[in-house]
Amino acid sequence: MIHPRYAPVVFALFMAFFMSGIMSLVVTTINIGFTDGLIISWLNSWPLTFAIAFPVIMVVSPVVRRIVMRLVATEVTAQR
């Protein structure tokens, strides 16, 4: 198993993998449509989008985490 201290990196790795795959497929489909070459074009663009997404997630996720912590209530008050 992976040590818990690496959890943010593992999270970023999986998030970048899935989001870059989905987004590159959507953008490729929008650009060229449902053609015979769609899968090949998508698989050619996915590595580049992943290479961009992973470092971006590593940099942006701590900022997003701080924003979320400010927006989310840290203490729940009792309802009357």
PDB file of N, CA and C in Angstrom:
ATOM      1  N   MET A   1       0.837  -1.201   0.000  1.00  0.00           N
ATOM      2  CA  MET A   1       0.000   0.000   0.000  1.00  0.00           C
ATOM      3  C   MET A   1       0.877   1.259   0.000  1.00  0.00           C
ATOM      4  N   ILE A   2       0.259   2.327  -0.397  1.00  0.00           N
ATOM      5  CA  ILE A   2       0.953   3.612  -0.474  1.00  0.00           C
ATOM      6  C   ILE A   2       0.811   4.319   0.869  1.00  0.00           C
ATOM      7  N   HIS A   3       1.877   4.949   1.317  1.00  0.00           N
ATOM      8  CA  HIS A   3       1.865   5.671   2.587  1.00  0.00           C
ATOM      9  C   HIS A   3       0.881   6.842   2.502  1.00  0.00           C
ATOM     10  N   PRO A   4       0.137   7.099   3.598  1.00  0.00           N
ATOM     11  CA  PRO A   4      -0.867   8.180   3.587  1.00  0.00           C
ATOM     12  C   PRO A   4      -0.313   9.562   3.264  1.00  0.00           C
ATOM     13  N   ARG A   5       0.965   9.792   3.517  1.00  0.00           N
ATOM     14  CA  ARG A   5       1.502  11.125   3.222  1.00  0.00           C
ATOM     15  C   ARG A   5       1.524  11.420   1.722  1.00  0.00           C
ATOM     16  N   TYR A   6       1.422  10.378   0.903  1.00  0.00           N
ATOM     17  CA  TYR A   6       1.397  10.563  -0.551  1.00  0.00           C
ATOM     18  C   TYR A   6      -0.022  10.691  -1.096  1.00  0.00           C
ATOM     19  N   ALA A   7      -1.004  10.726  -0.232  1.00  0.00           N
ATOM     20  CA  ALA A   7      -2.403  10.797  -0.666  1.00  0.00           C
ATOM     21  C   ALA A   7      -2.690  11.979  -1.595  1.00  0.00           C
ATOM     22  N   PRO A   8      -2.196  13.187  -1.318  1.00  0.00           N
ATOM     23  CA  PRO A   8      -2.473  14.291  -2.252  1.00  0.00           C
ATOM     24  C   PRO A   8      -1.912  14.052  -3.654  1.00  0.00           C
ATOM     25  N   VAL A   9      -0.753  13.437  -3.739  1.00  0.00           N
ATOM     26  CA  VAL A   9      -0.154  13.164  -5.051  1.00  0.00           C
ATOM     27  C   VAL A   9      -0.937  12.073  -5.776  1.00  0.00           C
ATOM     28  N   VAL A  10      -1.334  11.033  -5.051  1.00  0.00           N
ATOM     29  CA  VAL A  10      -2.118   9.950  -5.658  1.00  0.00           C
ATOM     30  C   VAL A  10      -3.470  10.482  -6.105  1.00  0.00           C
ATOM     31  N   PHE A  11      -4.091  11.330  -5.272  1.00  0.00           N
ATOM     32  CA  PHE A  11      -5.363  11.950  -5.650  1.00  0.00           C
ATOM     33  C   PHE A  11      -5.191  12.763  -6.932  1.00  0.00           C
ATOM     34  N   ALA A  12      -4.153  13.589  -6.988  1.00  0.00           N
ATOM     35  CA  ALA A  12      -3.909  14.424  -8.169  1.00  0.00           C
ATOM     36  C   ALA A  12      -3.648  13.568  -9.399  1.00  0.00           C
ATOM     37  N   LEU A  13      -2.940  12.474  -9.224  1.00  0.00           N
ATOM     38  CA  LEU A  13      -2.643  11.586 -10.343  1.00  0.00           C
ATOM     39  C   LEU A  13      -3.924  11.007 -10.937  1.00  0.00           C
ATOM     40  N   PHE A  14      -4.787  10.467 -10.086  1.00  0.00           N
ATOM     41  CA  PHE A  14      -6.036   9.899 -10.577  1.00  0.00           C
ATOM     42  C   PHE A  14      -6.983  10.969 -11.108  1.00  0.00           C
ATOM     43  N   MET A  15      -7.053  12.103 -10.434  1.00  0.00           N
ATOM     44  CA  MET A  15      -7.917  13.189 -10.907  1.00  0.00           C
ATOM     45  C   MET A  15      -7.453  13.669 -12.276  1.00  0.00           C
ATOM     46  N   ALA A  16      -6.160  13.845 -12.455  1.00  0.00           N
ATOM     47  CA  ALA A  16      -5.629  14.284 -13.748  1.00  0.00           C
ATOM     48  C   ALA A  16      -5.882  13.236 -14.823  1.00  0.00           C
ATOM     49  N   PHE A  17      -5.716  11.962 -14.474  1.00  0.00           N
ATOM     50  CA  PHE A  17      -5.930  10.893 -15.438  1.00  0.00           C
ATOM     51  C   PHE A  17      -7.367  10.898 -15.960  1.00  0.00           C
ATOM     52  N   PHE A  18      -8.326  10.880 -15.037  1.00  0.00           N
ATOM     53  CA  PHE A  18      -9.725  10.808 -15.460  1.00  0.00           C
ATOM     54  C   PHE A  18     -10.219  12.109 -16.100  1.00  0.00           C
ATOM     55  N   MET A  19      -9.899  13.234 -15.496  1.00  0.00           N
ATOM     56  CA  MET A  19     -10.389  14.503 -16.045  1.00  0.00           C
ATOM     57  C   MET A  19      -9.746  14.815 -17.398  1.00  0.00           C
ATOM     58  N   SER A  20      -8.458  14.555 -17.551  1.00  0.00           N
ATOM     59  CA  SER A  20      -7.831  14.825 -18.841  1.00  0.00           C
ATOM     60  C   SER A  20      -8.365  13.889 -19.914  1.00  0.00           C
ATOM     61  N   GLY A  21      -8.629  12.657 -19.542  1.00  0.00           N
ATOM     62  CA  GLY A  21      -9.207  11.717 -20.505  1.00  0.00           C
ATOM     63  C   GLY A  21     -10.593  12.135 -20.956  1.00  0.00           C
ATOM     64  N   ILE A  22     -11.426  12.487 -19.993  1.00  0.00           N
ATOM     65  CA  ILE A  22     -12.799  12.896 -20.319  1.00  0.00           C
ATOM     66  C   ILE A  22     -12.806  14.197 -21.114  1.00  0.00           C
ATOM     67  N   MET A  23     -12.058  15.184 -20.638  1.00  0.00           N
ATOM     68  CA  MET A  23     -12.076  16.489 -21.307  1.00  0.00           C
ATOM     69  C   MET A  23     -11.439  16.431 -22.696  1.00  0.00           C
ATOM     70  N   SER A  24     -10.367  15.666 -22.848  1.00  0.00           N
ATOM     71  CA  SER A  24      -9.765  15.575 -24.181  1.00  0.00           C
ATOM     72  C   SER A  24     -10.691  14.843 -25.143  1.00  0.00           C
ATOM     73  N   LEU A  25     -11.441  13.859 -24.655  1.00  0.00           N
ATOM     74  CA  LEU A  25     -12.420  13.182 -25.510  1.00  0.00           C
ATOM     75  C   LEU A  25     -13.531  14.135 -25.927  1.00  0.00           C
ATOM     76  N   VAL A  26     -14.028  14.916 -24.985  1.00  0.00           N
ATOM     77  CA  VAL A  26     -15.108  15.873 -25.300  1.00  0.00           C
ATOM     78  C   VAL A  26     -14.623  16.918 -26.299  1.00  0.00           C
ATOM     79  N   VAL A  27     -13.464  17.497 -26.057  1.00  0.00           N
ATOM     80  CA  VAL A  27     -12.961  18.548 -26.947  1.00  0.00           C
ATOM     81  C   VAL A  27     -12.614  17.979 -28.322  1.00  0.00           C
ATOM     82  N   THR A  28     -12.027  16.784 -28.361  1.00  0.00           N
ATOM     83  CA  THR A  28     -11.725  16.160 -29.648  1.00  0.00           C
ATOM     84  C   THR A  28     -13.013  15.880 -30.419  1.00  0.00           C
ATOM     85  N   THR A  29     -14.028  15.397 -29.720  1.00  0.00           N
ATOM     86  CA  THR A  29     -15.314  15.124 -30.376  1.00  0.00           C
ATOM     87  C   THR A  29     -15.947  16.406 -30.904  1.00  0.00           C
ATOM     88  N   ILE A  30     -15.866  17.477 -30.122  1.00  0.00           N
ATOM     89  CA  ILE A  30     -16.405  18.762 -30.577  1.00  0.00           C
ATOM     90  C   ILE A  30     -15.659  19.242 -31.815  1.00  0.00           C
ATOM     91  N   ASN A  31     -14.342  19.081 -31.821  1.00  0.00           N
ATOM     92  CA  ASN A  31     -13.533  19.594 -32.937  1.00  0.00           C
ATOM     93  C   ASN A  31     -13.661  18.785 -34.213  1.00  0.00           C
ATOM     94  N   ILE A  32     -13.683  17.451 -34.124  1.00  0.00           N
ATOM     95  CA  ILE A  32     -13.699  16.661 -35.356  1.00  0.00           C
ATOM     96  C   ILE A  32     -14.987  15.859 -35.544  1.00  0.00           C
ATOM     97  N   GLY A  33     -15.827  15.808 -34.517  1.00  0.00           N
ATOM     98  CA  GLY A  33     -17.086  15.077 -34.625  1.00  0.00           C
ATOM     99  C   GLY A  33     -16.875  13.572 -34.490  1.00  0.00           C
ATOM    100  N   PHE A  34     -17.961  12.855 -34.623  1.00  0.00           N
ATOM    101  CA  PHE A  34     -17.922  11.397 -34.531  1.00  0.00           C
ATOM    102  C   PHE A  34     -17.459  10.817 -35.865  1.00  0.00           C
ATOM    103  N   THR A  35     -16.153  10.811 -36.061  1.00  0.00           N
ATOM    104  CA  THR A  35     -15.569  10.305 -37.303  1.00  0.00           C
ATOM    105  C   THR A  35     -14.821   9.003 -37.014  1.00  0.00           C
ATOM    106  N   ASP A  36     -14.354   8.369 -38.085  1.00  0.00           N
ATOM    107  CA  ASP A  36     -13.589   7.133 -37.927  1.00  0.00           C
ATOM    108  C   ASP A  36     -12.284   7.353 -37.167  1.00  0.00           C
ATOM    109  N   GLY A  37     -11.705   8.527 -37.250  1.00  0.00           N
ATOM    110  CA  GLY A  37     -10.429   8.797 -36.604  1.00  0.00           C
ATOM    111  C   GLY A  37     -10.543   9.375 -35.205  1.00  0.00           C
ATOM    112  N   LEU A  38     -11.758   9.391 -34.638  1.00  0.00           N
ATOM    113  CA  LEU A  38     -11.971  10.019 -33.329  1.00  0.00           C
ATOM    114  C   LEU A  38     -11.118   9.378 -32.239  1.00  0.00           C
ATOM    115  N   ILE A  39     -11.141   8.076 -32.135  1.00  0.00           N
ATOM    116  CA  ILE A  39     -10.422   7.393 -31.054  1.00  0.00           C
ATOM    117  C   ILE A  39      -8.915   7.618 -31.176  1.00  0.00           C
ATOM    118  N   ILE A  40      -8.382   7.527 -32.388  1.00  0.00           N
ATOM    119  CA  ILE A  40      -6.944   7.743 -32.598  1.00  0.00           C
ATOM    120  C   ILE A  40      -6.571   9.182 -32.248  1.00  0.00           C
ATOM    121  N   SER A  41      -7.362  10.138 -32.692  1.00  0.00           N
ATOM    122  CA  SER A  41      -7.087  11.550 -32.376  1.00  0.00           C
ATOM    123  C   SER A  41      -7.159  11.790 -30.878  1.00  0.00           C
ATOM    124  N   TRP A  42      -8.157  11.184 -30.231  1.00  0.00           N
ATOM    125  CA  TRP A  42      -8.300  11.334 -28.786  1.00  0.00           C
ATOM    126  C   TRP A  42      -7.102  10.737 -28.053  1.00  0.00           C
ATOM    127  N   LEU A  43      -6.707   9.534 -28.426  1.00  0.00           N
ATOM    128  CA  LEU A  43      -5.578   8.887 -27.755  1.00  0.00           C
ATOM    129  C   LEU A  43      -4.258   9.610 -28.011  1.00  0.00           C
ATOM    130  N   ASN A  44      -4.170  10.332 -29.126  1.00  0.00           N
ATOM    131  CA  ASN A  44      -2.978  11.142 -29.389  1.00  0.00           C
ATOM    132  C   ASN A  44      -2.954  12.414 -28.549  1.00  0.00           C
ATOM    133  N   SER A  45      -4.135  12.964 -28.242  1.00  0.00           N
ATOM    134  CA  SER A  45      -4.185  14.211 -27.477  1.00  0.00           C
ATOM    135  C   SER A  45      -4.183  13.983 -25.968  1.00  0.00           C
ATOM    136  N   TRP A  46      -4.618  12.826 -25.526  1.00  0.00           N
ATOM    137  CA  TRP A  46      -4.743  12.568 -24.098  1.00  0.00           C
ATOM    138  C   TRP A  46      -3.423  12.699 -23.334  1.00  0.00           C
ATOM    139  N   PRO A  47      -2.308  12.147 -23.807  1.00  0.00           N
ATOM    140  CA  PRO A  47      -1.058  12.293 -23.032  1.00  0.00           C
ATOM    141  C   PRO A  47      -0.650  13.749 -22.805  1.00  0.00           C
ATOM    142  N   LEU A  48      -0.854  14.593 -23.796  1.00  0.00           N
ATOM    143  CA  LEU A  48      -0.511  16.001 -23.630  1.00  0.00           C
ATOM    144  C   LEU A  48      -1.412  16.656 -22.589  1.00  0.00           C
ATOM    145  N   THR A  49      -2.709  16.371 -22.656  1.00  0.00           N
ATOM    146  CA  THR A  49      -3.620  16.968 -21.675  1.00  0.00           C
ATOM    147  C   THR A  49      -3.326  16.457 -20.270  1.00  0.00           C
ATOM    148  N   PHE A  50      -2.930  15.193 -20.149  1.00  0.00           N
ATOM    149  CA  PHE A  50      -2.560  14.671 -18.838  1.00  0.00           C
ATOM    150  C   PHE A  50      -1.300  15.361 -18.324  1.00  0.00           C
ATOM    151  N   ALA A  51      -0.327  15.555 -19.199  1.00  0.00           N
ATOM    152  CA  ALA A  51       0.926  16.204 -18.805  1.00  0.00           C
ATOM    153  C   ALA A  51       0.701  17.636 -18.333  1.00  0.00           C
ATOM    154  N   ILE A  52      -0.344  18.268 -18.814  1.00  0.00           N
ATOM    155  CA  ILE A  52      -0.698  19.616 -18.360  1.00  0.00           C
ATOM    156  C   ILE A  52      -1.548  19.539 -17.092  1.00  0.00           C
ATOM    157  N   ALA A  53      -2.504  18.615 -17.061  1.00  0.00           N
ATOM    158  CA  ALA A  53      -3.453  18.540 -15.949  1.00  0.00           C
ATOM    159  C   ALA A  53      -2.790  18.165 -14.626  1.00  0.00           C
ATOM    160  N   PHE A  54      -1.852  17.236 -14.636  1.00  0.00           N
ATOM    161  CA  PHE A  54      -1.263  16.769 -13.381  1.00  0.00           C
ATOM    162  C   PHE A  54      -0.555  17.886 -12.609  1.00  0.00           C
ATOM    163  N   PRO A  55       0.375  18.610 -13.230  1.00  0.00           N
ATOM    164  CA  PRO A  55       1.001  19.697 -12.451  1.00  0.00           C
ATOM    165  C   PRO A  55       0.032  20.809 -12.078  1.00  0.00           C
ATOM    166  N   VAL A  56      -0.949  21.075 -12.942  1.00  0.00           N
ATOM    167  CA  VAL A  56      -1.931  22.108 -12.620  1.00  0.00           C
ATOM    168  C   VAL A  56      -2.723  21.706 -11.377  1.00  0.00           C
ATOM    169  N   ILE A  57      -3.154  20.465 -11.302  1.00  0.00           N
ATOM    170  CA  ILE A  57      -3.890  19.992 -10.132  1.00  0.00           C
ATOM    171  C   ILE A  57      -3.015  20.051  -8.888  1.00  0.00           C
ATOM    172  N   MET A  58      -1.746  19.701  -9.015  1.00  0.00           N
ATOM    173  CA  MET A  58      -0.843  19.755  -7.858  1.00  0.00           C
ATOM    174  C   MET A  58      -0.700  21.182  -7.324  1.00  0.00           C
ATOM    175  N   VAL A  59      -0.714  22.156  -8.204  1.00  0.00           N
ATOM    176  CA  VAL A  59      -0.565  23.555  -7.792  1.00  0.00           C
ATOM    177  C   VAL A  59      -1.897  24.138  -7.317  1.00  0.00           C
ATOM    178  N   VAL A  60      -2.966  23.837  -8.022  1.00  0.00           N
ATOM    179  CA  VAL A  60      -4.254  24.471  -7.755  1.00  0.00           C
ATOM    180  C   VAL A  60      -5.010  23.836  -6.583  1.00  0.00           C
ATOM    181  N   SER A  61      -4.859  22.546  -6.357  1.00  0.00           N
ATOM    182  CA  SER A  61      -5.669  21.886  -5.332  1.00  0.00           C
ATOM    183  C   SER A  61      -5.480  22.443  -3.916  1.00  0.00           C
ATOM    184  N   PRO A  62      -4.267  22.828  -3.485  1.00  0.00           N
ATOM    185  CA  PRO A  62      -4.182  23.440  -2.157  1.00  0.00           C
ATOM    186  C   PRO A  62      -4.938  24.763  -2.056  1.00  0.00           C
ATOM    187  N   VAL A  63      -4.920  25.533  -3.138  1.00  0.00           N
ATOM    188  CA  VAL A  63      -5.656  26.791  -3.158  1.00  0.00           C
ATOM    189  C   VAL A  63      -7.160  26.526  -3.084  1.00  0.00           C
ATOM    190  N   VAL A  64      -7.623  25.572  -3.868  1.00  0.00           N
ATOM    191  CA  VAL A  64      -9.044  25.221  -3.864  1.00  0.00           C
ATOM    192  C   VAL A  64      -9.455  24.700  -2.491  1.00  0.00           C
ATOM    193  N   ARG A  65      -8.605  23.895  -1.879  1.00  0.00           N
ATOM    194  CA  ARG A  65      -8.892  23.357  -0.541  1.00  0.00           C
ATOM    195  C   ARG A  65      -9.070  24.493   0.465  1.00  0.00           C
ATOM    196  N   ARG A  66      -8.210  25.514   0.405  1.00  0.00           N
ATOM    197  CA  ARG A  66      -8.336  26.654   1.321  1.00  0.00           C
ATOM    198  C   ARG A  66      -9.622  27.440   1.059  1.00  0.00           C
ATOM    199  N   ILE A  67      -9.965  27.628  -0.205  1.00  0.00           N
ATOM    200  CA  ILE A  67     -11.207  28.331  -0.541  1.00  0.00           C
ATOM    201  C   ILE A  67     -12.407  27.566  -0.004  1.00  0.00           C
ATOM    202  N   VAL A  68     -12.419  26.263  -0.210  1.00  0.00           N
ATOM    203  CA  VAL A  68     -13.531  25.435   0.259  1.00  0.00           C
ATOM    204  C   VAL A  68     -13.642  25.491   1.777  1.00  0.00           C
ATOM    205  N   MET A  69     -12.517  25.433   2.469  1.00  0.00           N
ATOM    206  CA  MET A  69     -12.550  25.473   3.933  1.00  0.00           C
ATOM    207  C   MET A  69     -13.101  26.796   4.449  1.00  0.00           C
ATOM    208  N   ARG A  70     -12.901  27.869   3.714  1.00  0.00           N
ATOM    209  CA  ARG A  70     -13.477  29.161   4.113  1.00  0.00           C
ATOM    210  C   ARG A  70     -14.977  29.224   3.844  1.00  0.00           C
ATOM    211  N   LEU A  71     -15.421  28.519   2.815  1.00  0.00           N
ATOM    212  CA  LEU A  71     -16.836  28.562   2.451  1.00  0.00           C
ATOM    213  C   LEU A  71     -17.690  27.581   3.233  1.00  0.00           C
ATOM    214  N   VAL A  72     -17.088  26.490   3.678  1.00  0.00           N
ATOM    215  CA  VAL A  72     -17.838  25.449   4.369  1.00  0.00           C
ATOM    216  C   VAL A  72     -17.807  25.734   5.863  1.00  0.00           C
ATOM    217  N   ALA A  73     -18.976  25.614   6.479  1.00  0.00           N
ATOM    218  CA  ALA A  73     -19.058  25.854   7.920  1.00  0.00           C
ATOM    219  C   ALA A  73     -18.216  24.827   8.665  1.00  0.00           C
ATOM    220  N   THR A  74     -17.422  25.313   9.604  1.00  0.00           N
ATOM    221  CA  THR A  74     -16.593  24.403  10.385  1.00  0.00           C
ATOM    222  C   THR A  74     -17.301  23.943  11.653  1.00  0.00           C
ATOM    223  N   GLU A  75     -18.380  24.611  12.006  1.00  0.00           N
ATOM    224  CA  GLU A  75     -19.094  24.273  13.224  1.00  0.00           C
ATOM    225  C   GLU A  75     -20.588  24.265  12.916  1.00  0.00           C
ATOM    226  N   VAL A  76     -21.231  23.199  13.252  1.00  0.00           N
ATOM    227  CA  VAL A  76     -22.667  23.093  13.015  1.00  0.00           C
ATOM    228  C   VAL A  76     -23.390  23.541  14.282  1.00  0.00           C
ATOM    229  N   THR A  77     -24.270  24.516  14.121  1.00  0.00           N
ATOM    230  CA  THR A  77     -25.030  24.988  15.276  1.00  0.00           C
ATOM    231  C   THR A  77     -26.277  24.131  15.455  1.00  0.00           C
ATOM    232  N   ALA A  78     -26.679  23.968  16.662  1.00  0.00           N
ATOM    233  CA  ALA A  78     -27.861  23.166  16.961  1.00  0.00           C
ATOM    234  C   ALA A  78     -29.111  23.885  16.464  1.00  0.00           C
ATOM    235  N   GLN A  79     -29.964  23.122  15.799  1.00  0.00           N
ATOM    236  CA  GLN A  79     -31.224  23.693  15.306  1.00  0.00           C
ATOM    237  C   GLN A  79     -32.241  23.699  16.441  1.00  0.00           C
ATOM    238  N   ARG A  80     -33.041  24.719  16.509  1.00  0.00           N
ATOM    239  CA  ARG A  80     -34.052  24.810  17.563  1.00  0.00           C
ATOM    240  C   ARG A  80     -35.390  24.495  17.041  1.00  0.00           C
TER     241      ARG A  80
END
